[in-house]
Structure formats: C-alpha cells, structure tokens
Protein backbone atom coordinates (compact mmCIF):
# COMPACT_ATOMS: atom_id res chain seq x y z
CA MET A 1 22.09 17.45 40.78
CA PHE A 2 21.10 14.01 39.62
CA ILE A 3 21.83 14.42 36.43
CA ALA A 4 24.99 16.44 36.40
CA CYS A 5 26.47 14.09 38.55
CA GLY A 6 26.07 11.74 35.47
CA GLY A 7 23.15 10.02 37.24
CA LEU A 8 21.63 8.46 34.03
CA PRO A 9 24.62 6.77 32.60
CA ILE A 10 25.02 4.62 36.31
CA LEU A 11 20.97 4.12 36.25
CA ILE A 12 21.94 2.46 32.56
CA ARG A 13 24.90 0.80 33.95
CA PHE A 14 22.71 -1.56 36.73
CA LEU A 15 20.58 -3.03 33.77
CA TYR A 16 23.84 -4.81 32.60
CA GLU A 17 23.88 -6.81 36.37
CA ASN A 18 23.83 -10.41 35.39
CA TYR A 19 19.58 -11.17 35.46
CA ASP A 20 20.18 -14.11 37.06
CA ASP A 21 21.49 -13.25 40.10
CA LYS A 22 19.57 -12.50 42.53
CA GLU A 23 21.07 -9.73 44.55
CA SER A 24 22.22 -7.82 40.62
CA ARG A 25 18.33 -8.75 39.34
CA GLU A 26 17.34 -6.21 42.55
CA LEU A 27 19.78 -3.36 41.38
CA ILE A 28 18.31 -4.01 37.77
CA LEU A 29 14.46 -3.84 39.21
CA SER A 30 15.84 -0.57 41.40
CA SER A 31 17.10 0.60 38.03
CA ILE A 32 13.98 0.28 36.19
CA ASP A 33 11.70 1.84 38.89
CA CYS A 34 14.72 5.19 38.80
CA ILE A 35 13.52 5.45 35.46
CA TRP A 36 10.18 6.03 35.80
CA ASN A 37 10.00 7.97 38.30
CA ILE A 38 12.12 10.25 36.48
CA PHE A 39 9.06 10.72 33.75
CA GLU A 40 6.31 10.84 36.74
CA ILE A 41 8.10 13.96 37.42
CA LYS A 42 5.19 16.21 35.92
CA SER A 43 7.63 19.38 35.43
CA ASN A 44 10.78 16.89 33.74
CA PRO A 45 10.47 17.53 30.11
CA LYS A 46 9.58 14.14 28.89
CA ASN A 47 10.91 14.98 25.74
CA ASP A 48 14.37 15.89 26.34
CA PHE A 49 15.06 13.31 28.66
CA CYS A 50 14.22 10.72 25.97
CA ARG A 51 16.35 12.67 24.44
CA LEU A 52 19.15 12.32 26.71
CA PHE A 53 17.79 8.47 27.37
CA CYS A 54 18.69 7.24 24.13
CA LYS A 55 22.62 9.94 24.23
CA PHE A 56 23.64 6.78 27.56
CA GLY A 57 22.26 3.68 24.85
CA LEU A 58 18.82 2.95 27.39
CA LEU A 59 16.60 1.27 24.51
CA PRO A 60 18.84 -1.55 23.93
CA ARG A 61 19.81 -2.79 26.99
CA LEU A 62 16.09 -2.08 28.41
CA ALA A 63 15.30 -4.60 25.09
CA LYS A 64 17.45 -7.27 26.65
CA VAL A 65 16.19 -7.26 30.00
CA PHE A 66 12.07 -7.03 29.15
CA TYR A 67 13.53 -10.58 27.00
CA LEU A 68 14.64 -11.70 29.56
CA PHE A 69 11.79 -11.09 31.90
CA LYS A 70 8.95 -12.94 29.41
CA LYS A 71 11.77 -15.61 29.13
CA ASP A 72 12.37 -16.14 32.82
CA LYS A 73 10.02 -18.98 34.20
CA THR A 74 12.51 -19.42 37.35
CA SER A 75 11.03 -16.19 38.95
CA VAL A 76 9.16 -17.10 41.85
CA ASP A 77 6.55 -13.57 42.28
CA ASN A 78 4.54 -14.19 38.78
CA LYS A 79 2.67 -10.63 39.32
CA ARG A 80 6.27 -8.57 40.82
CA ASN A 81 7.75 -10.01 37.67
CA GLN A 82 4.34 -8.79 35.47
CA ASP A 83 4.63 -5.29 36.76
CA TYR A 84 7.58 -4.65 36.09
CA VAL A 85 6.83 -6.34 32.35
CA ASP A 86 4.24 -3.16 32.26
CA ARG A 87 6.21 -0.51 33.35
CA VAL A 88 8.86 -1.77 30.62
CA VAL A 89 6.59 -1.62 27.97
CA ASN A 90 4.49 1.94 29.10
CA ILE A 91 8.25 3.31 29.47
CA PHE A 92 9.04 2.27 25.66
CA GLY A 93 5.71 4.00 25.21
CA LEU A 94 6.63 6.89 26.32
CA PHE A 95 9.44 7.51 23.84
CA SER A 96 7.32 6.14 21.45
CA GLY A 97 5.41 9.52 21.95
CA GLY A 98 8.44 11.71 22.04
CA ASP A 99 10.28 13.18 18.49
CA LYS A 100 11.41 11.61 15.09
CA LEU A 101 15.02 11.44 17.04
CA VAL A 102 13.73 9.67 20.00
CA ARG A 103 10.98 7.05 17.64
CA GLN A 104 14.08 6.15 15.46
CA ASN A 105 15.72 4.79 18.19
CA ILE A 106 12.93 2.01 18.80
CA ALA A 107 14.04 0.81 15.01
CA GLU A 108 17.15 0.09 15.92
CA VAL A 109 17.94 -3.96 15.25
CA LYS A 110 19.30 -3.43 18.44
CA VAL A 111 16.31 -3.62 20.07
CA LEU A 112 14.24 -4.95 18.33
CA LYS A 113 15.02 -8.46 18.01
CA TYR A 114 14.29 -8.74 22.03
CA ILE A 115 10.91 -6.91 21.09
CA ILE A 116 9.25 -9.23 18.15
CA PRO A 117 10.17 -12.29 19.49
CA VAL A 118 8.04 -11.96 22.64
CA LEU A 119 5.68 -9.96 21.08
CA GLN A 120 2.86 -12.93 20.80
CA LEU A 121 3.71 -13.84 25.07
CA LEU A 122 2.70 -10.16 25.68
CA LYS A 123 -1.41 -9.48 27.35
CA TYR A 124 -3.60 -7.54 24.91
CA GLU A 125 -2.60 -4.48 26.66
CA ASN A 126 0.77 -4.43 26.74
CA LEU A 127 0.44 -5.65 22.76
CA LEU A 128 -1.93 -2.79 22.44
CA THR A 129 0.99 0.01 23.98
CA PHE A 130 3.79 -2.04 21.51
CA MET A 131 1.78 -1.53 18.67
CA LYS A 132 0.51 1.48 18.49
CA ALA A 133 4.68 1.96 20.11
CA PHE A 134 5.39 0.38 15.85
CA HIS A 135 2.51 2.84 14.60
CA ARG A 136 4.16 5.76 15.57
CA VAL A 137 7.50 4.69 14.75
CA CYS A 138 6.52 3.49 11.15
CA GLY A 139 4.80 6.87 11.04
CA VAL A 140 7.88 9.36 10.79
CA LYS A 141 8.49 7.84 7.84
CA LEU A 142 11.72 7.64 7.30
CA PRO A 143 14.38 5.44 5.25
CA LYS A 144 16.25 3.58 8.25
CA PRO A 145 13.36 3.32 11.02
CA LEU A 146 11.04 1.24 8.26
CA LYS A 147 14.40 -0.22 6.33
CA GLU A 148 15.69 -1.83 10.06
CA MET A 149 11.60 -2.93 11.44
CA GLU A 150 12.45 -5.12 8.14
CA ILE A 151 15.85 -7.03 8.62
CA ALA A 152 14.77 -7.32 12.63
CA GLY A 153 11.91 -9.18 10.76
CA THR A 154 8.50 -7.65 11.59
CA ILE A 155 6.60 -8.02 9.09
CA PRO A 156 6.02 -11.91 9.05
CA VAL A 157 5.19 -11.66 13.47
CA PHE A 158 2.69 -9.53 12.70
CA ILE A 159 0.49 -10.14 9.77
CA LYS A 160 0.15 -13.46 12.35
CA LEU A 161 -0.62 -11.27 15.11
CA LEU A 162 -4.10 -10.40 12.51
CA ASP A 163 -5.16 -14.36 14.05
CA HIS A 164 -5.55 -12.53 17.13
CA PRO A 165 -8.77 -12.46 18.50
CA ARG A 166 -9.36 -8.94 19.51
CA LYS A 167 -10.09 -5.77 16.95
CA GLU A 168 -8.06 -3.45 18.70
CA ILE A 169 -5.14 -4.91 17.53
CA HIS A 170 -5.66 -6.10 14.02
CA LYS A 171 -6.22 -2.77 13.45
CA GLU A 172 -2.70 -0.77 14.53
CA VAL A 173 -1.13 -4.00 13.14
CA ILE A 174 -2.46 -3.10 9.34
CA LEU A 175 -1.70 0.85 10.20
CA CYS A 176 1.65 -0.03 10.78
CA MET A 177 1.89 -2.66 7.74
CA GLU A 178 0.28 0.35 5.26
CA LEU A 179 3.61 2.32 5.91
CA LEU A 180 5.28 -0.57 6.54
CA MET A 181 5.05 -1.90 2.35
CA SER A 182 4.51 1.86 1.02
CA VAL A 183 8.08 3.42 -0.52
CA ALA A 184 10.30 -0.27 -0.64
CA LYS A 185 8.90 -3.48 -3.21
CA SER A 186 10.71 -5.37 -0.30
CA ARG A 187 8.45 -5.20 2.33
CA LYS A 188 5.76 -5.47 -0.06
CA GLU A 189 6.70 -9.10 -1.40
CA LYS A 190 8.18 -10.39 2.02
CA ALA A 191 4.48 -9.07 3.37
CA VAL A 192 2.66 -10.58 0.52
CA HIS A 193 5.15 -13.80 1.00
CA ALA A 194 4.16 -14.07 5.05
CA GLY A 195 0.46 -15.05 4.24
CA ILE A 196 -1.32 -11.11 4.42
CA VAL A 197 -3.78 -10.60 1.50
CA PRO A 198 -6.05 -12.74 2.46
CA TYR A 199 -6.10 -11.08 5.51
CA LEU A 200 -6.81 -7.85 3.80
CA LEU A 201 -9.77 -10.01 1.33
CA ASN A 202 -11.66 -10.31 4.80
CA ILE A 203 -11.32 -7.03 5.54
CA ILE A 204 -12.75 -5.76 2.78
CA GLU A 205 -15.54 -8.78 2.95
CA LYS A 206 -16.77 -7.79 6.07
CA LYS A 207 -16.59 -4.15 5.29
CA VAL A 208 -15.01 -2.49 8.71
CA LEU A 209 -13.40 0.61 9.11
CA LEU A 210 -9.83 -0.68 7.21
CA LYS A 211 -11.51 -1.61 4.68
CA GLN A 212 -9.95 1.46 3.02
CA VAL A 213 -6.97 0.80 4.08
CA ALA A 214 -7.27 -2.77 3.03
CA LEU A 215 -7.40 -1.53 -0.31
CA ARG A 216 -5.24 0.93 -0.74
CA ILE A 217 -2.50 -1.39 0.11
CA ILE A 218 -4.15 -4.34 -2.62
CA CYS A 219 -3.60 -2.26 -4.88
CA ASP A 220 -0.37 -1.05 -4.89
CA LEU A 221 0.50 -4.40 -4.75
CA PRO A 222 4.20 -5.35 -6.28
CA ILE A 223 1.87 -6.97 -9.31
CA SER A 224 5.75 -7.00 -11.86
CA SER A 225 7.21 -9.55 -8.88
CA ARG A 226 6.89 -13.61 -10.60
CA ALA A 227 6.66 -14.40 -7.15
CA VAL A 228 3.61 -11.75 -5.89
CA ARG A 229 1.74 -13.33 -9.06
CA ALA A 230 1.90 -16.45 -8.20
CA GLU A 231 1.19 -15.82 -4.28
CA LEU A 232 -1.90 -13.65 -6.59
CA ARG A 233 -3.08 -16.15 -8.43
CA LYS A 234 -4.10 -18.40 -5.34
CA HIS A 235 -7.36 -15.94 -3.94
CA ARG A 236 -8.07 -14.89 -8.11
CA MET A 237 -7.10 -11.77 -7.77
CA VAL A 238 -7.93 -10.96 -11.21
CA ASP A 239 -11.61 -11.80 -11.38
CA PHE A 240 -10.66 -9.25 -7.22
CA TYR A 241 -9.89 -6.23 -8.80
CA VAL A 242 -11.80 -6.28 -11.88
CA ARG A 243 -14.98 -6.44 -9.48
CA THR A 244 -12.78 -3.45 -7.36
CA LEU A 245 -14.10 -0.99 -10.84
CA SER A 246 -17.43 -1.15 -9.59
CA ASP A 247 -15.90 0.92 -6.34
CA SER A 248 -16.03 4.63 -6.76
CA CYS A 249 -12.15 5.22 -5.55
CA TRP A 250 -11.12 3.02 -6.48
CA ARG A 251 -11.76 2.48 -10.32
CA PRO A 252 -8.17 4.46 -10.76
CA GLU A 253 -6.21 1.91 -8.57
CA ALA A 254 -7.70 -1.41 -9.08
CA LEU A 255 -7.33 -0.66 -13.68
CA ASN A 256 -3.78 0.37 -12.86
CA ALA A 257 -3.23 -3.00 -11.58
CA LEU A 258 -4.72 -5.03 -13.78
CA LYS A 259 -2.87 -3.55 -16.55
CA LEU A 260 0.25 -4.54 -14.86
CA TRP A 261 -0.67 -7.30 -14.36
CA LEU A 262 -1.96 -7.74 -17.65
CA ALA A 263 1.24 -6.56 -19.25
CA ALA A 264 3.52 -9.32 -16.96
CA GLU A 265 1.04 -12.06 -18.60
CA PRO A 266 -0.94 -10.54 -21.14
CA THR A 267 -2.46 -14.78 -22.49
CA ARG A 268 -3.49 -15.44 -19.70
CA VAL A 269 -4.92 -12.27 -18.00
CA GLY A 270 -5.90 -11.38 -21.42
CA TYR A 271 -8.55 -14.55 -21.84
CA GLN A 272 -9.48 -13.58 -18.33
CA LEU A 273 -10.22 -10.51 -18.41
CA THR A 274 -12.72 -10.52 -22.10
CA THR A 275 -14.69 -13.87 -20.15
CA SER A 276 -18.80 -12.77 -20.18
CA ARG A 277 -18.09 -12.16 -16.49
CA ASN A 278 -15.56 -9.80 -17.08
CA ILE A 279 -15.40 -8.07 -19.51
CA PRO A 280 -18.83 -6.24 -19.09
CA LYS A 281 -17.50 -4.78 -16.11
CA MET A 282 -13.93 -3.13 -18.45
CA ILE A 283 -16.90 -1.69 -20.38
CA ALA A 284 -17.90 0.01 -17.69
CA VAL A 285 -15.64 1.52 -16.23
CA CYS A 286 -15.02 3.33 -19.53
CA SER A 287 -18.65 4.57 -20.57
CA SER A 288 -20.27 4.56 -17.65
CA PRO A 289 -21.94 8.20 -17.29
CA LYS A 290 -20.83 7.42 -13.25
CA VAL A 291 -17.39 7.99 -13.66
CA PHE A 292 -15.69 11.49 -12.41
CA ARG A 293 -14.01 13.03 -15.46
CA GLN A 294 -10.98 13.42 -13.28
CA HIS A 295 -11.17 9.22 -12.82
CA LEU A 296 -11.81 9.60 -16.78
CA ALA A 297 -7.91 11.32 -17.13
CA VAL A 298 -6.71 8.72 -15.28
CA ILE A 299 -9.10 5.95 -16.50
CA LEU A 300 -8.65 6.46 -20.45
CA PRO A 301 -4.33 6.23 -19.97
CA THR A 302 -4.43 3.05 -18.51
CA MET A 303 -6.92 1.69 -21.35
CA ARG A 304 -5.63 2.83 -23.47
CA ASN A 305 -2.03 0.39 -22.47
CA MET A 306 -4.34 -2.30 -22.03
CA CYS A 307 -5.98 -1.91 -25.80
CA LYS A 308 -2.56 -3.37 -27.04
CA ASN A 309 -3.95 -6.58 -25.65
CA THR A 310 -5.13 -8.41 -28.84
CA PRO A 311 -7.84 -10.74 -26.43
CA LEU A 312 -9.35 -7.34 -24.77
CA LYS A 313 -8.52 -5.50 -27.66
CA ILE A 314 -11.06 -7.70 -29.98
CA ALA A 315 -13.42 -7.58 -27.28
CA LEU A 316 -14.27 -4.39 -26.74
CA ALA A 317 -14.54 -3.08 -29.96
CA ASN A 318 -17.23 -5.58 -30.84
CA SER A 319 -19.22 -3.77 -27.68
CA PRO A 320 -21.00 -1.87 -28.92
CA ARG A 321 -20.84 0.08 -25.50
CA PHE A 322 -18.33 1.08 -25.70
CA VAL A 323 -17.22 2.41 -29.15
CA LYS A 324 -19.79 5.27 -28.78
CA SER A 325 -19.03 5.70 -24.84
CA LEU A 326 -15.73 6.53 -27.12
CA MET A 327 -17.33 8.39 -30.40
CA ASN A 328 -19.35 10.28 -27.60
CA ARG A 329 -16.26 11.76 -25.69
CA LEU A 330 -14.52 12.40 -29.27
CA ASN A 331 -17.73 14.22 -30.39
CA GLU A 332 -17.82 16.87 -26.70
CA PRO A 333 -15.98 19.89 -27.61
CA ILE A 334 -12.29 20.63 -26.65
CA GLN A 335 -11.86 22.52 -24.58
CA ASP A 336 -8.31 24.30 -22.62
CA ASP A 337 -8.21 22.08 -19.76
CA PRO A 338 -5.51 19.85 -18.48
CA THR A 339 -9.10 16.76 -18.19
CA ASN A 340 -10.94 17.24 -20.70
CA MET A 341 -7.73 17.10 -22.98
CA ALA A 342 -6.67 14.23 -21.20
CA ILE A 343 -9.80 12.28 -21.59
CA HIS A 344 -9.69 13.71 -25.80
CA GLN A 345 -6.22 12.35 -25.95
CA ALA A 346 -6.04 9.16 -24.33
CA SER A 347 -10.04 8.64 -26.69
CA VAL A 348 -8.15 9.04 -30.28
CA GLU A 349 -5.11 6.65 -29.07
CA ILE A 350 -7.92 3.74 -27.97
CA THR A 351 -9.82 4.46 -31.49
CA ASN A 352 -6.42 4.42 -33.09
CA GLU A 353 -5.59 0.85 -31.32
CA ILE A 354 -9.42 -1.18 -32.02
CA CYS A 355 -8.50 -0.08 -35.48
CA TYR A 356 -5.54 -0.95 -36.06
CA GLN A 357 -5.95 -4.81 -37.66
CA HIS A 358 -10.19 -5.37 -36.89
CA LYS A 359 -10.87 -7.30 -39.44
CA GLY A 360 -14.13 -5.65 -40.20
CA LEU A 361 -12.84 -2.90 -39.94
CA ALA A 362 -15.26 -1.15 -42.75
CA LYS A 363 -17.81 -1.74 -41.28
CA LEU A 364 -17.05 -0.80 -38.63
CA ASN A 365 -16.12 2.45 -39.89
CA ALA A 366 -19.85 2.91 -41.17
CA ARG A 367 -21.87 2.01 -38.41
CA TYR A 368 -20.25 4.29 -36.31
CA LYS A 369 -18.93 6.99 -38.20
CA ILE A 370 -15.06 6.20 -37.13
CA GLN A 371 -13.34 7.79 -39.46
CA GLU A 372 -15.60 10.97 -39.87
CA THR A 373 -15.28 11.97 -35.92
CA VAL A 374 -11.67 11.46 -35.87
CA GLN A 375 -11.70 13.92 -38.67
CA ASN A 376 -13.57 16.56 -36.89
CA VAL A 377 -11.02 16.45 -34.20
CA SER A 378 -8.24 16.60 -36.66
CA GLU A 379 -9.45 19.22 -37.69
CA ASN A 380 -10.52 21.00 -34.09
CA ALA A 381 -7.61 20.40 -32.46
CA ARG A 382 -5.81 22.45 -35.85
CA SER A 383 -7.68 25.28 -35.26
CA GLN A 384 -7.35 25.44 -31.83
CA ASN A 385 -3.61 24.98 -31.67
CA LYS A 386 -4.09 21.95 -29.75
CA MET A 387 -1.21 19.95 -31.58
CA ARG A 388 -0.91 16.68 -29.82
CA LEU A 389 -4.18 16.36 -29.69
CA TRP A 390 -4.11 16.98 -34.16
CA CYS A 391 -0.57 15.06 -34.35
CA LEU A 392 -2.38 12.16 -32.41
CA ALA A 393 -5.20 11.91 -34.64
CA ARG A 394 -3.47 12.12 -38.19
CA VAL A 395 -1.75 9.03 -37.07
CA CYS A 396 -5.04 7.85 -36.34
CA LEU A 397 -7.20 8.96 -39.78
CA THR A 398 -4.20 7.87 -41.77
CA ASN A 399 -4.21 4.32 -39.93
CA ILE A 400 -8.34 4.42 -40.65
CA THR A 401 -7.83 5.56 -43.99
CA LYS A 402 -5.25 2.63 -45.09
CA ARG A 403 -7.07 0.02 -43.51
CA ILE A 404 -10.68 0.67 -45.09
CA GLU A 405 -9.25 1.44 -48.56
CA ALA A 406 -6.55 -1.30 -48.53
CA SER A 407 -10.49 -3.57 -47.71
CA ASN A 408 -12.11 -1.94 -49.75
CA ALA A 409 -9.33 -2.72 -52.57
C-alpha cells in the first residue's frame, strides 16, 4: 500500500531538505531510517526495491547526504551522526549486492563525486564495506561503469588507500584495480602515473596472497606508452621482467612485456637484455627442459620477434646452449599438432634471424650442422604436406646457403 501510494518518491524527496536547518535535518534522518527499515523486512525482495529506488533517483541524493554527514563539523551529537554514516554505508553495501542494473547506478559520476572525496576519512569498517561494494561494481565488467569510475577520479584515491594499515583494504583495492585496468589503456596509464608500480612490486617481493594478481597487472601495463616507460624505468622494470622469466606461470607474459619494450626502445633495452646478468636468463627461458611445451609455443614466436634486435641476435647466436637447444627443437619429429607446429615454425624463423648477417656463419654451421638440420626440416615438412613450415625452411635454407657461399668466395 505504501508503495502504491507513491511512498518511495516521498522518502527520497525528504532527502532534498535543507541539511543546515535542524528540523529539516530530522526529516532527512527519518527518511534514512525508513529506507533502512524497508530493507530490514525479510519478506521484501531486496533487488526489486533497489531497482525501484534507483528508478526514483535515491543514490545521488543519498551520496550527497553522506558527504554532508562526513563534512559536518557543527553536529552536537557525533555518535548519532556516525550511526547514520554507518547506516548509509550499509545501504550502499546492499545496493552493491544487487543485479548489474543496480550496480551500474552506483558507478555513476553524480554518485561517486560525493563518495570518493571522503573515502579516506572513513573508519575501517565503513571503508571496507565501500571497497567491497566497488569491487562488486567493477565486477560487472561493462564499459560504462568502469569509464564513469575513471572520470570520477577513483584511481588516484584507490592507490592512496594502499598506504592504509589494514591488509584487507589492500586486498580489495588491488582486486578493484585489476578490474579497472583490465581493458582501457587510459586507466592503466593513470594508475602508473598515480604510483601503483612500487606497491605492486612490494606485494610481489613479500609473496603475499595477492602476488599473482599483482603480476597479472604489472605484466599487462601499456609499455607502448612513452610516459609509462619513463615511470617504469625509475623502478628498473626491464630487470624485473627478466627475473620474472624464472616464474613458470608468468614467463610468456613477462617476455611479451620485454618484446614490446624492446620494439619501443631497441638500443636501450637491447643493451640491458644482453648484459652478463640478464642474457643467461633470456637463454634459459628458451632452452630449459623445464619450460612447458604449451608455454614454449608462445615463448618462441615472441623470441622470434625479439631476435630482430641486432645486439640480442648476436648474443643468442654466440650462446652454445641456445643454438644447441634450437637444433634439438628442429630435430624433433614433425607432428600434426598445433603446439608442435608453432614450435617448429618459430624455431626455423629464429634460426633464420640469428644466421642473417652473422659474420662467422660458416664456423657456426660447421659446429652445429645448421644447414643440414634445416634441410631435413624442409624435406620432412614437404613430405607431410606442411606447406607453411616448408616455405619457412626453404627461405631459411636459401639464406644460409647464400651466406656460406659468399663467405667462401
């Protein structure tokens, strides 16, 4: 009956009363009590009421009232004021448990512009409730709410919360940031500029439960952006990515990050990758028998692109371990399997790259029988009708033959 008579819009209208007036403020508080009592009735379908309140525009006004509560320095009864802050926070927590349509309403700029500025002023319990609410909102994974949260300035505020003494807050912040940064390059750039990288590195070094999430974020940063690279250089991130190659779960992602950085800054990064400290790790990721074959099918094509860098190409060609492992891959039987084909094709292309313009190719070939190995791959690929592999092997074989003949002339 209350709803049929238009009771919900009336409750929301009370929230528009003048907060500075004592009597009007009581109407606001009474309205919040009524809204809370509606949700307290167990027989009421909470999601349906959330939708109705969203339709009538509750959340923007409730957010403003919440902001006024937190900024109120004149309240005589601070305990009562805090009780209503707690109640409003819990109402937002209820709305965050609604369906996608309800959660999208929380992520509107007209709501967030009142919540975000006072987020750091909240006590631990209320802050945790809000961060869990934001985590659920980000979990919708729709472009509009994530964009609205970006516009509202949530990213710098969330990162500042990583200084909070409680680990539960860190957990919710990192999970929110993972979802916020999962798609848009602009949000990743803003997070890097706001200083998220040292926090992520700290989490990874301490090997806490969030390490895998932190690695996922840090391996997916937009390295093609000059500003992001400038920030990453402050933390020696090339060396970090090289160290991450030893992590069996994150080898492909770390190598891909190095590939992008090498493409953007070939001279600087090429030099760093070929230092005595880093080149053994670059070689190990391709030649170690402990590397999963599924990972190898991703790693070798990535390394093929990186081999276009002259310093890295020379360093790999001068490594007996790397060249032997490459020949061993090529000597494996060709199978009608996507993983096997990806490894063979990438190995042939890497062989072609390291042999191209190699000054001591004749000696290299005599030592490792490269020409003979590639010839066998070409013949086997042709006999099994693997035409792409055959074409790659023929190109590689032609280049090697020409180079050896030229050096002998």
